[in-house]
Amino acid sequence: MVADHGAQNQFGIKGQVLRRGDADYEQARRSAVWHAGTPGRFPEVIVAAQDENDVVGAVRLAREEGRKIAVRSGGHSFSGSHLRDGIVLIDVSRLRDVTVDAEAMTATAQPGLKGSELDGELSKQGLFFPIGHCKNVCIGGYLLQGGFAWRGREFGPSCMSVTGIDVVTADAELVHADATHNVDLFWAARGAVRGFLRS
């Protein structure tokens, strides 16, 4: 296995860092799309984040090299829109932790978790969240694209049920955003439309 250990050491990334031409690069690039029709677009670097700090390190790497960023949580985009030439692709599919607070009727989940997995954890506590139509779609991309679910007409888009997010900014800072903290980021993550007015 070949990895960019210099980038790992310089930016504190624990997960694998692959550059175009490395031994495992092509396998990582192809596995970033859920179907066999992987588009002919080639990120310069793929970072397989193991935790939130790896995401911070990946953003720092991109800033250092003057590269744009794309993110993959589950890779369910049919067009493979997260694969772009010359970018840093941050793969957060390994970020899959979930905790459920049954009393508060809330859950905290990472973006690589599948909607079906979230539903499974919630149902153990008699709770429900409007997950997507396909059980293999991860919640990161699903929620950032609105979250249109089977029961969307009844509950609205799933992004309306998001009460807070942890986000790594373009300045490589990990911040929390909700109705009272970093409200612009929270508003943007939930769709940036008039119906989601900032509190």
Protein backbone atom coordinates (compact mmCIF):
# COMPACT_ATOMS: atom_id res chain seq x y z
CA MET A 1 0.00 0.00 0.00
CA VAL A 2 1.42 3.36 -1.03
CA ALA A 3 0.37 6.55 0.71
CA ASP A 4 1.58 10.11 0.95
CA HIS A 5 3.18 9.91 4.39
CA GLY A 6 4.55 13.44 4.04
CA ALA A 7 1.04 14.85 3.80
CA GLN A 8 -0.06 12.64 6.67
CA ASN A 9 2.74 13.92 8.87
CA GLN A 10 2.54 17.58 7.82
CA PHE A 11 -1.23 17.89 8.16
CA GLY A 12 -1.87 15.32 10.91
CA ILE A 13 -3.99 13.05 8.72
CA LYS A 14 -4.35 9.55 10.15
CA GLY A 15 -6.27 8.10 7.22
CA GLN A 16 -4.83 7.10 3.87
CA VAL A 17 -3.64 9.87 1.54
CA LEU A 18 -3.33 8.78 -2.08
CA ARG A 19 -1.93 10.80 -4.93
CA ARG A 20 -2.61 10.16 -8.58
CA GLY A 21 -0.17 7.45 -9.67
CA ASP A 22 0.00 5.71 -6.28
CA ALA A 23 -0.59 1.97 -6.23
CA ASP A 24 -4.07 2.07 -4.65
CA TYR A 25 -5.20 5.33 -6.22
CA GLU A 26 -7.26 3.91 -9.09
CA GLN A 27 -9.10 1.47 -6.87
CA ALA A 28 -9.95 4.32 -4.48
CA ARG A 29 -11.07 6.54 -7.37
CA ARG A 30 -13.34 3.86 -8.84
CA SER A 31 -14.81 2.89 -5.48
CA ALA A 32 -15.81 6.53 -4.92
CA VAL A 33 -18.75 5.95 -7.32
CA TRP A 34 -21.42 3.35 -6.58
CA HIS A 35 -21.70 1.99 -10.14
CA ALA A 36 -19.23 0.71 -12.72
CA GLY A 37 -19.46 3.75 -15.01
CA THR A 38 -16.78 5.77 -13.22
CA PRO A 39 -16.27 9.04 -15.11
CA GLY A 40 -12.84 9.82 -16.56
CA ARG A 41 -12.05 12.56 -14.05
CA PHE A 42 -9.04 12.32 -11.77
CA PRO A 43 -8.58 13.99 -8.38
CA GLU A 44 -4.95 14.81 -7.64
CA VAL A 45 -5.30 13.62 -4.04
CA ILE A 46 -7.79 11.32 -2.29
CA VAL A 47 -7.95 11.53 1.50
CA ALA A 48 -9.74 8.67 3.28
CA ALA A 49 -10.71 10.53 6.44
CA GLN A 50 -10.81 8.52 9.66
CA ASP A 51 -12.22 11.31 11.82
CA GLU A 52 -13.10 15.01 11.81
CA ASN A 53 -9.47 16.01 12.34
CA ASP A 54 -8.56 14.26 9.10
CA VAL A 55 -11.09 16.45 7.31
CA VAL A 56 -9.41 19.52 8.83
CA GLY A 57 -6.03 18.19 7.66
CA ALA A 58 -7.35 17.52 4.17
CA VAL A 59 -8.64 21.09 3.87
CA ARG A 60 -5.27 22.38 5.07
CA LEU A 61 -3.55 20.22 2.42
CA ALA A 62 -5.83 21.62 -0.30
CA ARG A 63 -5.17 25.18 0.84
CA GLU A 64 -1.41 24.58 0.86
CA GLU A 65 -1.49 23.25 -2.70
CA GLY A 66 -4.09 25.71 -4.02
CA ARG A 67 -6.55 22.95 -4.93
CA LYS A 68 -10.32 22.86 -4.93
CA ILE A 69 -12.16 20.33 -2.79
CA ALA A 70 -14.95 17.83 -3.30
CA VAL A 71 -16.46 15.53 -0.70
CA ARG A 72 -17.81 12.01 -0.96
CA SER A 73 -19.93 10.48 1.79
CA GLY A 74 -21.53 7.53 0.00
CA GLY A 75 -20.72 8.16 -3.65
CA HIS A 76 -24.33 7.68 -4.73
CA SER A 77 -24.24 10.53 -7.26
CA PHE A 78 -24.99 8.80 -10.57
CA SER A 79 -22.82 11.29 -12.46
CA GLY A 80 -19.96 10.98 -9.97
CA SER A 81 -20.09 14.74 -9.51
CA HIS A 82 -17.58 14.55 -6.65
CA LEU A 83 -14.88 13.30 -9.03
CA ARG A 84 -13.13 16.32 -10.53
CA ASP A 85 -9.74 16.75 -12.18
CA GLY A 86 -6.94 18.09 -10.03
CA ILE A 87 -8.87 18.43 -6.77
CA VAL A 88 -8.52 17.03 -3.27
CA LEU A 89 -11.31 14.48 -2.80
CA ILE A 90 -12.19 14.08 0.87
CA ASP A 91 -13.79 10.67 1.37
CA VAL A 92 -15.83 10.70 4.60
CA SER A 93 -17.49 7.32 4.03
CA ARG A 94 -15.66 5.88 7.06
CA LEU A 95 -17.22 8.44 9.40
CA ARG A 96 -20.17 6.32 10.54
CA ASP A 97 -20.72 6.90 14.26
CA VAL A 98 -24.24 7.41 15.58
CA THR A 99 -25.65 8.06 19.04
CA VAL A 100 -29.33 8.27 19.93
CA ASP A 101 -30.81 10.26 22.80
CA ALA A 102 -34.25 8.68 23.13
CA GLU A 103 -35.42 11.09 25.82
CA ALA A 104 -34.60 14.16 23.73
CA MET A 105 -35.78 12.37 20.56
CA THR A 106 -32.55 13.32 18.78
CA ALA A 107 -29.62 11.55 17.17
CA THR A 108 -26.10 12.60 16.29
CA ALA A 109 -24.76 10.89 13.18
CA GLN A 110 -21.72 11.17 10.94
CA PRO A 111 -22.02 11.64 7.15
CA GLY A 112 -20.85 8.18 6.07
CA LEU A 113 -23.73 6.47 7.86
CA LYS A 114 -26.36 4.94 5.60
CA GLY A 115 -29.92 6.09 6.03
CA SER A 116 -31.01 2.50 6.66
CA GLU A 117 -28.41 2.21 9.44
CA LEU A 118 -29.67 5.41 11.05
CA ASP A 119 -33.24 4.14 10.78
CA GLY A 120 -32.20 0.86 12.40
CA GLU A 121 -30.67 2.61 15.39
CA LEU A 122 -33.64 4.94 15.78
CA SER A 123 -36.23 2.17 15.52
CA LYS A 124 -34.64 0.41 18.50
CA GLN A 125 -35.73 3.44 20.53
CA GLY A 126 -39.14 3.75 18.90
CA LEU A 127 -37.99 6.79 16.88
CA PHE A 128 -38.12 7.72 13.20
CA PHE A 129 -36.32 9.98 10.75
CA PRO A 130 -37.39 10.49 7.11
CA ILE A 131 -34.54 8.65 5.37
CA GLY A 132 -34.13 8.35 1.61
CA HIS A 133 -35.71 5.93 -0.85
CA CYS A 134 -32.56 3.83 -1.29
CA LYS A 135 -31.21 2.11 1.81
CA ASN A 136 -27.59 2.45 0.67
CA VAL A 137 -27.57 6.26 0.41
CA CYS A 138 -25.41 7.84 3.11
CA ILE A 139 -26.85 10.74 5.05
CA GLY A 140 -24.12 13.30 4.25
CA GLY A 141 -25.00 13.91 0.62
CA TYR A 142 -28.65 13.03 1.16
CA LEU A 143 -29.21 15.81 3.69
CA LEU A 144 -27.07 18.41 1.93
CA GLN A 145 -29.15 17.86 -1.22
CA GLY A 146 -32.38 18.41 0.68
CA GLY A 147 -33.32 14.93 1.83
CA PHE A 148 -36.37 13.99 -0.21
CA ALA A 149 -37.92 10.92 1.43
CA TRP A 150 -40.85 8.53 1.01
CA ARG A 151 -42.87 10.56 3.49
CA GLY A 152 -41.64 13.95 2.32
CA ARG A 153 -45.13 15.31 1.73
CA GLU A 154 -46.02 14.59 5.32
CA PHE A 155 -42.77 15.64 7.03
CA GLY A 156 -41.13 17.92 4.47
CA PRO A 157 -37.56 17.53 3.27
CA SER A 158 -35.35 15.78 5.81
CA CYS A 159 -32.98 18.74 6.02
CA MET A 160 -35.75 20.58 7.90
CA SER A 161 -35.26 18.11 10.77
CA VAL A 162 -31.53 18.86 11.12
CA THR A 163 -30.93 20.88 14.30
CA GLY A 164 -27.18 21.37 14.00
CA ILE A 165 -24.08 20.44 12.05
CA ASP A 166 -20.36 20.26 12.62
CA VAL A 167 -18.57 21.66 9.60
CA VAL A 168 -15.00 22.24 8.50
CA THR A 169 -14.79 25.70 6.96
CA ALA A 170 -12.64 26.76 4.01
CA ASP A 171 -10.22 28.15 6.60
CA ALA A 172 -9.76 24.60 7.96
CA GLU A 173 -11.61 25.31 11.20
CA LEU A 174 -14.03 22.82 12.75
CA VAL A 175 -17.09 24.73 13.96
CA HIS A 176 -20.61 23.93 15.12
CA ALA A 177 -23.58 25.57 13.42
CA ASP A 178 -27.17 25.68 14.58
CA ALA A 179 -29.99 28.19 14.99
CA THR A 180 -27.86 30.35 17.32
CA HIS A 181 -24.23 29.62 16.31
CA ASN A 182 -22.80 30.21 12.82
CA VAL A 183 -26.35 30.62 11.59
CA ASP A 184 -25.34 31.36 8.00
CA LEU A 185 -23.59 27.98 7.72
CA PHE A 186 -26.59 26.27 9.27
CA TRP A 187 -28.97 28.02 6.90
CA ALA A 188 -26.80 27.10 3.90
CA ALA A 189 -26.49 23.45 4.94
CA ARG A 190 -30.26 23.15 5.21
CA GLY A 191 -30.86 24.43 1.71
CA ALA A 192 -30.50 28.23 1.89
CA VAL A 193 -34.12 28.83 0.93
CA ARG A 194 -36.72 31.27 2.25
CA GLY A 195 -38.62 28.54 4.08
CA PHE A 196 -35.65 27.94 6.39
CA LEU A 197 -35.37 31.42 7.81
CA ARG A 198 -32.58 32.03 10.26
CA SER A 199 -33.70 32.25 13.88
